[in-house]
Amino acid sequence: MWSYLGPGKKGQVQIKVDGESIAEIPLARTVPAAFTASESLDVGVDLGSSVVDAYAERRPFPFSGKIRTVKIHLD
């Protein structure tokens, strides 16, 4: 989950694992352009839109493997 004041402005990122918030990180700035409202950064499941409408009913496209580590570096 994230919130921001507009493109290129400050923002806040909330990191959740299995629905539980584990961290909140302030952002000095966000990207200076808008993206689609249906996309997000997901790990282990894709909660955004499908590539084509023919796959939309199969969302959220869960990953069946095991994720051992996730590293996110913000500059």
N, C-alpha and C. Protein backbone atom coordinates (compact mmCIF):
# COMPACT_ATOMS: atom_id res chain seq x y z
N MET A 1 0.85 -1.16 0.00
CA MET A 1 0.00 0.00 0.00
C MET A 1 0.90 1.23 0.00
N TRP A 2 0.50 2.24 -0.73
CA TRP A 2 1.31 3.44 -0.76
C TRP A 2 0.41 4.64 -0.94
N SER A 3 0.90 5.77 -0.54
CA SER A 3 0.18 7.02 -0.74
C SER A 3 1.19 8.07 -1.18
N TYR A 4 0.72 9.03 -1.93
CA TYR A 4 1.62 10.09 -2.37
C TYR A 4 0.84 11.36 -2.65
N LEU A 5 1.55 12.46 -2.73
CA LEU A 5 0.94 13.76 -2.93
C LEU A 5 0.88 14.17 -4.39
N GLY A 6 1.37 13.33 -5.28
CA GLY A 6 1.37 13.60 -6.70
C GLY A 6 2.66 13.14 -7.33
N PRO A 7 2.71 13.06 -8.67
CA PRO A 7 3.93 12.61 -9.35
C PRO A 7 5.15 13.46 -8.98
N GLY A 8 6.26 12.79 -8.62
CA GLY A 8 7.48 13.49 -8.25
C GLY A 8 7.48 14.07 -6.84
N LYS A 9 6.42 13.84 -6.08
CA LYS A 9 6.29 14.39 -4.72
C LYS A 9 6.64 13.33 -3.68
N LYS A 10 6.60 13.73 -2.41
CA LYS A 10 6.84 12.80 -1.31
C LYS A 10 5.77 11.72 -1.28
N GLY A 11 6.09 10.61 -0.63
CA GLY A 11 5.13 9.52 -0.51
C GLY A 11 5.43 8.63 0.68
N GLN A 12 4.63 7.61 0.86
CA GLN A 12 4.78 6.67 1.97
C GLN A 12 4.50 5.27 1.44
N VAL A 13 5.34 4.31 1.75
CA VAL A 13 5.15 2.92 1.33
C VAL A 13 4.92 2.07 2.57
N GLN A 14 3.95 1.19 2.50
CA GLN A 14 3.69 0.24 3.58
C GLN A 14 3.95 -1.15 3.04
N ILE A 15 4.79 -1.92 3.71
CA ILE A 15 5.12 -3.27 3.29
C ILE A 15 4.31 -4.24 4.15
N LYS A 16 3.59 -5.16 3.47
CA LYS A 16 2.77 -6.13 4.17
C LYS A 16 3.21 -7.54 3.79
N VAL A 17 3.16 -8.45 4.75
CA VAL A 17 3.40 -9.87 4.52
C VAL A 17 2.16 -10.60 5.00
N ASP A 18 1.52 -11.34 4.10
CA ASP A 18 0.28 -12.06 4.42
C ASP A 18 -0.74 -11.13 5.06
N GLY A 19 -0.84 -9.91 4.55
CA GLY A 19 -1.81 -8.95 5.03
C GLY A 19 -1.41 -8.18 6.27
N GLU A 20 -0.29 -8.53 6.90
CA GLU A 20 0.17 -7.86 8.13
C GLU A 20 1.25 -6.84 7.79
N SER A 21 1.07 -5.61 8.23
CA SER A 21 2.06 -4.56 7.99
C SER A 21 3.33 -4.84 8.79
N ILE A 22 4.48 -4.88 8.09
CA ILE A 22 5.75 -5.13 8.77
C ILE A 22 6.68 -3.92 8.73
N ALA A 23 6.37 -2.94 7.87
CA ALA A 23 7.22 -1.76 7.78
C ALA A 23 6.51 -0.64 7.04
N GLU A 24 6.85 0.58 7.39
CA GLU A 24 6.41 1.76 6.64
C GLU A 24 7.64 2.58 6.34
N ILE A 25 7.74 3.03 5.10
CA ILE A 25 8.93 3.73 4.66
C ILE A 25 8.53 5.03 3.98
N PRO A 26 9.07 6.17 4.44
CA PRO A 26 8.79 7.43 3.74
C PRO A 26 9.62 7.53 2.47
N LEU A 27 9.06 8.10 1.43
CA LEU A 27 9.76 8.32 0.18
C LEU A 27 10.02 9.82 0.01
N ALA A 28 11.24 10.17 -0.34
CA ALA A 28 11.56 11.57 -0.58
C ALA A 28 10.86 12.08 -1.83
N ARG A 29 10.69 11.20 -2.82
CA ARG A 29 9.97 11.57 -4.04
C ARG A 29 9.48 10.30 -4.74
N THR A 30 8.45 10.44 -5.53
CA THR A 30 7.93 9.34 -6.33
C THR A 30 8.32 9.58 -7.79
N VAL A 31 7.97 8.64 -8.66
CA VAL A 31 8.29 8.82 -10.08
C VAL A 31 7.52 10.01 -10.62
N PRO A 32 8.11 10.73 -11.57
CA PRO A 32 7.47 11.95 -12.07
C PRO A 32 6.42 11.70 -13.15
N ALA A 33 5.91 10.48 -13.27
CA ALA A 33 4.90 10.17 -14.27
C ALA A 33 3.86 9.26 -13.65
N ALA A 34 2.67 9.24 -14.21
CA ALA A 34 1.60 8.40 -13.69
C ALA A 34 1.60 7.03 -14.37
N PHE A 35 1.22 6.00 -13.62
CA PHE A 35 1.05 4.65 -14.14
C PHE A 35 -0.41 4.29 -14.01
N THR A 36 -0.80 3.14 -14.51
CA THR A 36 -2.20 2.73 -14.40
C THR A 36 -2.58 2.50 -12.94
N ALA A 37 -3.82 2.76 -12.63
CA ALA A 37 -4.30 2.60 -11.25
C ALA A 37 -4.46 1.14 -10.86
N SER A 38 -4.45 0.22 -11.84
CA SER A 38 -4.68 -1.18 -11.53
C SER A 38 -3.39 -1.97 -11.31
N GLU A 39 -2.25 -1.34 -11.36
CA GLU A 39 -0.99 -2.04 -11.17
C GLU A 39 -0.37 -1.69 -9.82
N SER A 40 0.41 -2.63 -9.31
CA SER A 40 1.07 -2.43 -8.02
C SER A 40 2.30 -3.33 -7.98
N LEU A 41 3.09 -3.19 -6.92
CA LEU A 41 4.25 -4.06 -6.74
C LEU A 41 3.82 -5.19 -5.82
N ASP A 42 3.73 -6.38 -6.35
CA ASP A 42 3.30 -7.55 -5.60
C ASP A 42 4.38 -8.61 -5.67
N VAL A 43 4.55 -9.36 -4.60
CA VAL A 43 5.51 -10.47 -4.58
C VAL A 43 4.75 -11.72 -4.19
N GLY A 44 4.80 -12.74 -5.04
CA GLY A 44 4.13 -14.00 -4.75
C GLY A 44 2.70 -14.08 -5.24
N VAL A 45 2.16 -12.97 -5.70
CA VAL A 45 0.81 -12.91 -6.25
C VAL A 45 0.73 -11.64 -7.08
N ASP A 46 -0.04 -11.67 -8.15
CA ASP A 46 -0.21 -10.47 -8.97
C ASP A 46 -1.61 -9.95 -8.77
N LEU A 47 -1.75 -8.88 -8.02
CA LEU A 47 -3.06 -8.32 -7.71
C LEU A 47 -3.53 -7.31 -8.76
N GLY A 48 -2.66 -7.00 -9.72
CA GLY A 48 -3.01 -6.03 -10.75
C GLY A 48 -3.79 -6.64 -11.89
N SER A 49 -3.83 -5.92 -12.98
CA SER A 49 -4.60 -6.38 -14.13
C SER A 49 -3.83 -7.47 -14.88
N SER A 50 -4.58 -8.31 -15.61
CA SER A 50 -3.95 -9.36 -16.40
C SER A 50 -3.42 -8.78 -17.70
N VAL A 51 -2.54 -9.52 -18.36
CA VAL A 51 -1.97 -9.06 -19.62
C VAL A 51 -3.06 -8.91 -20.67
N VAL A 52 -3.98 -9.87 -20.72
CA VAL A 52 -5.13 -9.81 -21.63
C VAL A 52 -6.38 -10.17 -20.84
N ASP A 53 -7.54 -9.68 -21.29
CA ASP A 53 -8.79 -9.93 -20.59
C ASP A 53 -9.14 -11.41 -20.48
N ALA A 54 -8.64 -12.24 -21.40
CA ALA A 54 -8.95 -13.67 -21.38
C ALA A 54 -8.47 -14.35 -20.09
N TYR A 55 -7.51 -13.76 -19.39
CA TYR A 55 -6.98 -14.34 -18.15
C TYR A 55 -7.52 -13.65 -16.89
N ALA A 56 -8.31 -12.63 -17.04
CA ALA A 56 -8.75 -11.81 -15.90
C ALA A 56 -9.45 -12.63 -14.81
N GLU A 57 -10.25 -13.63 -15.20
CA GLU A 57 -11.00 -14.41 -14.20
C GLU A 57 -10.10 -15.31 -13.37
N ARG A 58 -8.85 -15.49 -13.77
CA ARG A 58 -7.92 -16.35 -13.01
C ARG A 58 -7.08 -15.56 -12.00
N ARG A 59 -7.31 -14.28 -11.89
CA ARG A 59 -6.57 -13.49 -10.90
C ARG A 59 -6.85 -14.02 -9.51
N PRO A 60 -5.95 -13.93 -8.57
CA PRO A 60 -4.77 -13.08 -8.48
C PRO A 60 -3.47 -13.74 -8.91
N PHE A 61 -3.48 -14.80 -9.69
CA PHE A 61 -2.28 -15.44 -10.22
C PHE A 61 -1.27 -15.76 -9.11
N PRO A 62 -1.65 -16.59 -8.13
CA PRO A 62 -0.73 -16.89 -7.02
C PRO A 62 0.49 -17.69 -7.47
N PHE A 63 1.61 -17.43 -6.83
CA PHE A 63 2.86 -18.15 -7.07
C PHE A 63 2.86 -19.38 -6.18
N SER A 64 3.16 -20.55 -6.72
CA SER A 64 3.08 -21.79 -5.93
C SER A 64 4.43 -22.24 -5.38
N GLY A 65 5.50 -21.49 -5.65
CA GLY A 65 6.82 -21.85 -5.14
C GLY A 65 7.07 -21.28 -3.76
N LYS A 66 8.32 -21.20 -3.38
CA LYS A 66 8.70 -20.66 -2.08
C LYS A 66 9.61 -19.45 -2.30
N ILE A 67 9.25 -18.33 -1.69
CA ILE A 67 10.06 -17.12 -1.79
C ILE A 67 10.90 -17.03 -0.53
N ARG A 68 12.20 -17.09 -0.69
CA ARG A 68 13.10 -17.09 0.47
C ARG A 68 13.55 -15.69 0.86
N THR A 69 13.73 -14.83 -0.10
CA THR A 69 14.23 -13.47 0.20
C THR A 69 13.65 -12.48 -0.78
N VAL A 70 13.32 -11.31 -0.28
CA VAL A 70 12.93 -10.19 -1.12
C VAL A 70 13.75 -8.99 -0.66
N LYS A 71 14.44 -8.36 -1.58
CA LYS A 71 15.22 -7.17 -1.28
C LYS A 71 14.73 -6.03 -2.14
N ILE A 72 14.45 -4.91 -1.50
CA ILE A 72 14.00 -3.71 -2.21
C ILE A 72 14.95 -2.59 -1.85
N HIS A 73 15.54 -1.98 -2.85
CA HIS A 73 16.48 -0.88 -2.63
C HIS A 73 15.89 0.38 -3.25
N LEU A 74 15.67 1.39 -2.43
CA LEU A 74 15.13 2.66 -2.92
C LEU A 74 16.23 3.71 -2.91
N ASP A 75 16.45 4.35 -4.04
CA ASP A 75 17.43 5.44 -4.11
C ASP A 75 16.73 6.75 -4.24
